[in-house]
Amino acid sequence: MKHSFFLILLLATGLVFLSGCTSDSTKIVPETQSQTPAYTQTLTPTEEQYAVTEPVLVTGDGIYSTKITVNASDPISNTLVVTVKYDSTNQFGATGSGMVLMSTIFAYNYADVSASFNPRTKEDVIAAKIPYKNVLTTVYPNNKKSAVAKLPTDSTQGSFSPDKPYNYGAIVVIEDTIN
């Protein structure tokens, strides 16, 4: 009798397992749980991100009373005209010492420099072998002046193509003061 009890128990257990394996039922997931799809990583090529994409303007120490802007005209005949404008006008009509400002004006194609290129000094521009021009401008209180460079025409180094993606800028420092 003991053997028959174990034999019946073994057969019943086997039937339970077999009936589960041959069933076409699907797993029911309670509404409070959500089935999460398996994560698959897809690699997509990314475009190189450049450190600087806006025009560059770096002003040296001591240039406080003069508003400085840099802009470029539309390219003409593979030449980009970059202009640095100085505005030292003030509402009080103050007078005083003038400043001799050195502008290192430059332009470059992104393909000609590393993606991390971020010029902060004249030496950075020269080392990058991009077109540039140094322009001295004396600015007194209450006047407006401009420094202009035609690039690459005015440069002795580098090449530049306005047909390709490019950027431009200026690094301005005080060379001297004039009383």
C-alpha atoms as a PDB file:
ATOM      1  CA  MET A   1       0.000   0.000   0.000  1.00  0.00           C
ATOM      2  CA  LYS A   2       2.815   2.354   0.756  1.00  0.00           C
ATOM      3  CA  HIS A   3       4.225   1.743  -2.705  1.00  0.00           C
ATOM      4  CA  SER A   4       0.921   2.437  -4.396  1.00  0.00           C
ATOM      5  CA  PHE A   5       0.520   5.730  -2.491  1.00  0.00           C
ATOM      6  CA  PHE A   6       3.954   6.904  -3.644  1.00  0.00           C
ATOM      7  CA  LEU A   7       3.278   5.702  -7.158  1.00  0.00           C
ATOM      8  CA  ILE A   8      -0.027   7.628  -7.332  1.00  0.00           C
ATOM      9  CA  LEU A   9       1.657  10.733  -5.880  1.00  0.00           C
ATOM     10  CA  LEU A  10       4.460  10.471  -8.423  1.00  0.00           C
ATOM     11  CA  LEU A  11       1.988  10.071 -11.315  1.00  0.00           C
ATOM     12  CA  ALA A  12      -0.098  13.041 -10.136  1.00  0.00           C
ATOM     13  CA  THR A  13       2.976  15.258  -9.867  1.00  0.00           C
ATOM     14  CA  GLY A  14       4.114  14.199 -13.335  1.00  0.00           C
ATOM     15  CA  LEU A  15       0.691  15.027 -14.824  1.00  0.00           C
ATOM     16  CA  VAL A  16       0.787  18.497 -13.278  1.00  0.00           C
ATOM     17  CA  PHE A  17       4.181  19.197 -14.817  1.00  0.00           C
ATOM     18  CA  LEU A  18       3.217  17.754 -18.200  1.00  0.00           C
ATOM     19  CA  SER A  19      -0.009  19.718 -18.382  1.00  0.00           C
ATOM     20  CA  GLY A  20       1.893  22.982 -17.791  1.00  0.00           C
ATOM     21  CA  CYS A  21       4.384  22.218 -20.545  1.00  0.00           C
ATOM     22  CA  THR A  22       1.796  21.484 -23.209  1.00  0.00           C
ATOM     23  CA  SER A  23      -0.481  24.433 -22.502  1.00  0.00           C
ATOM     24  CA  ASP A  24      -0.818  27.296 -25.058  1.00  0.00           C
ATOM     25  CA  SER A  25      -1.731  29.812 -22.401  1.00  0.00           C
ATOM     26  CA  THR A  26       0.235  33.027 -22.056  1.00  0.00           C
ATOM     27  CA  LYS A  27       1.668  34.516 -18.941  1.00  0.00           C
ATOM     28  CA  ILE A  28      -0.702  36.982 -17.380  1.00  0.00           C
ATOM     29  CA  VAL A  29       0.992  40.079 -15.997  1.00  0.00           C
ATOM     30  CA  PRO A  30      -0.950  42.024 -13.394  1.00  0.00           C
ATOM     31  CA  GLU A  31      -1.802  45.599 -14.456  1.00  0.00           C
ATOM     32  CA  THR A  32       0.370  47.047 -11.707  1.00  0.00           C
ATOM     33  CA  GLN A  33       3.453  45.541 -13.309  1.00  0.00           C
ATOM     34  CA  SER A  34       4.729  46.518 -16.707  1.00  0.00           C
ATOM     35  CA  GLN A  35       6.703  44.420 -19.054  1.00  0.00           C
ATOM     36  CA  THR A  36      10.014  46.121 -19.770  1.00  0.00           C
ATOM     37  CA  PRO A  37      11.440  45.447 -23.209  1.00  0.00           C
ATOM     38  CA  ALA A  38      14.976  44.172 -23.319  1.00  0.00           C
ATOM     39  CA  TYR A  39      17.537  47.011 -23.587  1.00  0.00           C
ATOM     40  CA  THR A  40      19.377  47.109 -26.863  1.00  0.00           C
ATOM     41  CA  GLN A  41      22.182  49.531 -27.495  1.00  0.00           C
ATOM     42  CA  THR A  42      22.405  50.989 -30.961  1.00  0.00           C
ATOM     43  CA  LEU A  43      25.488  52.860 -31.963  1.00  0.00           C
ATOM     44  CA  THR A  44      24.860  55.904 -34.076  1.00  0.00           C
ATOM     45  CA  PRO A  45      27.603  58.002 -35.571  1.00  0.00           C
ATOM     46  CA  THR A  46      27.858  61.392 -33.932  1.00  0.00           C
ATOM     47  CA  GLU A  47      29.022  64.603 -35.511  1.00  0.00           C
ATOM     48  CA  GLU A  48      32.128  66.108 -34.017  1.00  0.00           C
ATOM     49  CA  GLN A  49      31.264  68.859 -31.552  1.00  0.00           C
ATOM     50  CA  TYR A  50      33.473  71.953 -31.732  1.00  0.00           C
ATOM     51  CA  ALA A  51      34.475  73.810 -28.576  1.00  0.00           C
ATOM     52  CA  VAL A  52      33.642  77.193 -30.122  1.00  0.00           C
ATOM     53  CA  THR A  53      30.852  77.813 -32.621  1.00  0.00           C
ATOM     54  CA  GLU A  54      30.120  81.515 -32.024  1.00  0.00           C
ATOM     55  CA  PRO A  55      32.439  84.376 -33.050  1.00  0.00           C
ATOM     56  CA  VAL A  56      35.330  84.706 -30.606  1.00  0.00           C
ATOM     57  CA  LEU A  57      36.044  87.918 -28.702  1.00  0.00           C
ATOM     58  CA  VAL A  58      38.702  87.914 -26.013  1.00  0.00           C
ATOM     59  CA  THR A  59      39.494  91.216 -24.281  1.00  0.00           C
ATOM     60  CA  GLY A  60      42.555  91.730 -22.154  1.00  0.00           C
ATOM     61  CA  ASP A  61      42.769  93.168 -18.662  1.00  0.00           C
ATOM     62  CA  GLY A  62      42.180  96.874 -18.226  1.00  0.00           C
ATOM     63  CA  ILE A  63      39.745  97.373 -21.116  1.00  0.00           C
ATOM     64  CA  TYR A  64      36.706  98.435 -19.110  1.00  0.00           C
ATOM     65  CA  SER A  65      35.360 101.677 -20.533  1.00  0.00           C
ATOM     66  CA  THR A  66      35.275 100.597 -24.180  1.00  0.00           C
ATOM     67  CA  LYS A  67      32.559  98.458 -25.704  1.00  0.00           C
ATOM     68  CA  ILE A  68      34.076  96.039 -28.222  1.00  0.00           C
ATOM     69  CA  THR A  69      32.222  94.007 -30.841  1.00  0.00           C
ATOM     70  CA  VAL A  70      33.406  91.757 -33.656  1.00  0.00           C
ATOM     71  CA  ASN A  71      31.510  90.896 -36.821  1.00  0.00           C
ATOM     72  CA  ALA A  72      32.112  89.778 -40.379  1.00  0.00           C
ATOM     73  CA  SER A  73      30.592  90.764 -43.685  1.00  0.00           C
ATOM     74  CA  ASP A  74      29.360  88.280 -46.232  1.00  0.00           C
ATOM     75  CA  PRO A  75      32.325  86.705 -48.017  1.00  0.00           C
ATOM     76  CA  ILE A  76      33.326  88.201 -51.356  1.00  0.00           C
ATOM     77  CA  SER A  77      35.763  86.411 -53.697  1.00  0.00           C
ATOM     78  CA  ASN A  78      36.978  83.960 -51.035  1.00  0.00           C
ATOM     79  CA  THR A  79      37.687  86.852 -48.666  1.00  0.00           C
ATOM     80  CA  LEU A  80      36.055  87.447 -45.313  1.00  0.00           C
ATOM     81  CA  VAL A  81      36.129  91.018 -43.963  1.00  0.00           C
ATOM     82  CA  VAL A  82      36.267  90.914 -40.164  1.00  0.00           C
ATOM     83  CA  THR A  83      35.699  94.173 -38.269  1.00  0.00           C
ATOM     84  CA  VAL A  84      36.394  94.951 -34.625  1.00  0.00           C
ATOM     85  CA  LYS A  85      34.468  98.023 -33.431  1.00  0.00           C
ATOM     86  CA  TYR A  86      35.501 100.100 -30.429  1.00  0.00           C
ATOM     87  CA  ASP A  87      33.007 102.423 -28.766  1.00  0.00           C
ATOM     88  CA  SER A  88      34.276 104.448 -25.821  1.00  0.00           C
ATOM     89  CA  THR A  89      31.518 107.049 -25.791  1.00  0.00           C
ATOM     90  CA  ASN A  90      29.916 107.818 -22.447  1.00  0.00           C
ATOM     91  CA  GLN A  91      27.072 109.974 -21.243  1.00  0.00           C
ATOM     92  CA  PHE A  92      29.324 112.252 -19.192  1.00  0.00           C
ATOM     93  CA  GLY A  93      31.624 113.293 -22.029  1.00  0.00           C
ATOM     94  CA  ALA A  94      34.636 112.247 -19.973  1.00  0.00           C
ATOM     95  CA  THR A  95      38.097 112.726 -21.359  1.00  0.00           C
ATOM     96  CA  GLY A  96      41.381 111.191 -20.349  1.00  0.00           C
ATOM     97  CA  SER A  97      44.076 108.835 -21.477  1.00  0.00           C
ATOM     98  CA  GLY A  98      43.847 106.915 -24.689  1.00  0.00           C
ATOM     99  CA  MET A  99      44.639 103.245 -25.197  1.00  0.00           C
ATOM    100  CA  VAL A 100      46.626 101.661 -27.990  1.00  0.00           C
ATOM    101  CA  LEU A 101      44.782  98.400 -28.592  1.00  0.00           C
ATOM    102  CA  MET A 102      46.248  95.450 -30.484  1.00  0.00           C
ATOM    103  CA  SER A 103      43.641  93.332 -32.223  1.00  0.00           C
ATOM    104  CA  THR A 104      44.630  89.920 -33.498  1.00  0.00           C
ATOM    105  CA  ILE A 105      41.830  89.348 -36.005  1.00  0.00           C
ATOM    106  CA  PHE A 106      41.449  85.820 -37.381  1.00  0.00           C
ATOM    107  CA  ALA A 107      39.238  83.442 -39.356  1.00  0.00           C
ATOM    108  CA  TYR A 108      39.434  79.687 -39.790  1.00  0.00           C
ATOM    109  CA  ASN A 109      37.639  76.685 -41.228  1.00  0.00           C
ATOM    110  CA  TYR A 110      36.606  74.124 -38.626  1.00  0.00           C
ATOM    111  CA  ALA A 111      38.257  71.361 -40.654  1.00  0.00           C
ATOM    112  CA  ASP A 112      41.628  73.128 -40.287  1.00  0.00           C
ATOM    113  CA  VAL A 113      41.743  73.031 -36.468  1.00  0.00           C
ATOM    114  CA  SER A 114      41.064  70.466 -33.758  1.00  0.00           C
ATOM    115  CA  ALA A 115      37.544  70.220 -32.342  1.00  0.00           C
ATOM    116  CA  SER A 116      38.860  71.536 -29.017  1.00  0.00           C
ATOM    117  CA  PHE A 117      40.311  74.711 -30.585  1.00  0.00           C
ATOM    118  CA  ASN A 118      39.421  77.691 -28.379  1.00  0.00           C
ATOM    119  CA  PRO A 119      41.839  80.567 -29.023  1.00  0.00           C
ATOM    120  CA  ARG A 120      42.478  82.751 -25.962  1.00  0.00           C
ATOM    121  CA  THR A 121      45.768  84.442 -26.954  1.00  0.00           C
ATOM    122  CA  LYS A 122      47.572  85.750 -30.017  1.00  0.00           C
ATOM    123  CA  GLU A 123      50.009  82.859 -29.619  1.00  0.00           C
ATOM    124  CA  ASP A 124      47.126  80.347 -29.873  1.00  0.00           C
ATOM    125  CA  VAL A 125      46.130  81.872 -33.219  1.00  0.00           C
ATOM    126  CA  ILE A 126      49.671  81.883 -34.598  1.00  0.00           C
ATOM    127  CA  ALA A 127      50.333  78.297 -33.465  1.00  0.00           C
ATOM    128  CA  ALA A 128      47.124  77.103 -35.173  1.00  0.00           C
ATOM    129  CA  LYS A 129      48.496  78.342 -38.525  1.00  0.00           C
ATOM    130  CA  ILE A 130      45.211  80.040 -39.404  1.00  0.00           C
ATOM    131  CA  PRO A 131      44.891  83.381 -41.234  1.00  0.00           C
ATOM    132  CA  TYR A 132      45.194  86.419 -38.977  1.00  0.00           C
ATOM    133  CA  LYS A 133      46.155  90.064 -38.998  1.00  0.00           C
ATOM    134  CA  ASN A 134      47.380  92.284 -36.149  1.00  0.00           C
ATOM    135  CA  VAL A 135      45.882  95.784 -36.164  1.00  0.00           C
ATOM    136  CA  LEU A 136      46.882  98.634 -33.802  1.00  0.00           C
ATOM    137  CA  THR A 137      44.154 101.161 -33.001  1.00  0.00           C
ATOM    138  CA  THR A 138      44.345 104.139 -30.646  1.00  0.00           C
ATOM    139  CA  VAL A 139      41.085 104.727 -28.833  1.00  0.00           C
ATOM    140  CA  TYR A 140      40.428 107.839 -26.728  1.00  0.00           C
ATOM    141  CA  PRO A 141      37.449 108.441 -24.441  1.00  0.00           C
ATOM    142  CA  ASN A 142      34.331 109.450 -26.360  1.00  0.00           C
ATOM    143  CA  ASN A 143      35.271 108.175 -29.757  1.00  0.00           C
ATOM    144  CA  LYS A 144      34.465 105.251 -32.005  1.00  0.00           C
ATOM    145  CA  LYS A 145      37.048 103.389 -34.052  1.00  0.00           C
ATOM    146  CA  SER A 146      37.280 100.203 -36.082  1.00  0.00           C
ATOM    147  CA  ALA A 147      39.984  97.706 -36.930  1.00  0.00           C
ATOM    148  CA  VAL A 148      39.494  95.740 -40.153  1.00  0.00           C
ATOM    149  CA  ALA A 149      41.117  92.660 -41.691  1.00  0.00           C
ATOM    150  CA  LYS A 150      40.469  90.955 -45.021  1.00  0.00           C
ATOM    151  CA  LEU A 151      41.191  87.292 -44.501  1.00  0.00           C
ATOM    152  CA  PRO A 152      43.072  85.420 -45.824  1.00  0.00           C
ATOM    153  CA  THR A 153      44.290  88.252 -48.115  1.00  0.00           C
ATOM    154  CA  ASP A 154      45.861  90.248 -45.246  1.00  0.00           C
ATOM    155  CA  SER A 155      47.472  87.185 -43.660  1.00  0.00           C
ATOM    156  CA  THR A 156      50.901  85.734 -44.238  1.00  0.00           C
ATOM    157  CA  GLN A 157      49.891  82.275 -43.010  1.00  0.00           C
ATOM    158  CA  GLY A 158      47.129  79.739 -43.452  1.00  0.00           C
ATOM    159  CA  SER A 159      44.314  79.373 -45.918  1.00  0.00           C
ATOM    160  CA  PHE A 160      40.616  79.989 -45.549  1.00  0.00           C
ATOM    161  CA  SER A 161      37.553  79.086 -47.578  1.00  0.00           C
ATOM    162  CA  PRO A 162      34.235  80.824 -46.821  1.00  0.00           C
ATOM    163  CA  ASP A 163      32.509  78.062 -48.823  1.00  0.00           C
ATOM    164  CA  LYS A 164      33.239  75.645 -45.959  1.00  0.00           C
ATOM    165  CA  PRO A 165      32.031  75.949 -42.340  1.00  0.00           C
ATOM    166  CA  TYR A 166      34.069  78.643 -40.589  1.00  0.00           C
ATOM    167  CA  ASN A 167      34.385  80.883 -37.559  1.00  0.00           C
ATOM    168  CA  TYR A 168      36.153  84.175 -36.892  1.00  0.00           C
ATOM    169  CA  GLY A 169      37.102  86.419 -34.015  1.00  0.00           C
ATOM    170  CA  ALA A 170      39.522  88.813 -32.374  1.00  0.00           C
ATOM    171  CA  ILE A 171      41.789  88.908 -29.370  1.00  0.00           C
ATOM    172  CA  VAL A 172      42.203  92.478 -28.090  1.00  0.00           C
ATOM    173  CA  VAL A 173      44.857  93.588 -25.608  1.00  0.00           C
ATOM    174  CA  ILE A 174      46.239  96.941 -24.428  1.00  0.00           C
ATOM    175  CA  GLU A 175      49.637  97.632 -25.955  1.00  0.00           C
ATOM    176  CA  ASP A 176      50.121 101.106 -24.426  1.00  0.00           C
ATOM    177  CA  THR A 177      48.323 104.084 -22.900  1.00  0.00           C
ATOM    178  CA  ILE A 178      48.580 107.661 -24.184  1.00  0.00           C
ATOM    179  CA  ASN A 179      47.987 110.796 -22.126  1.00  0.00           C
END
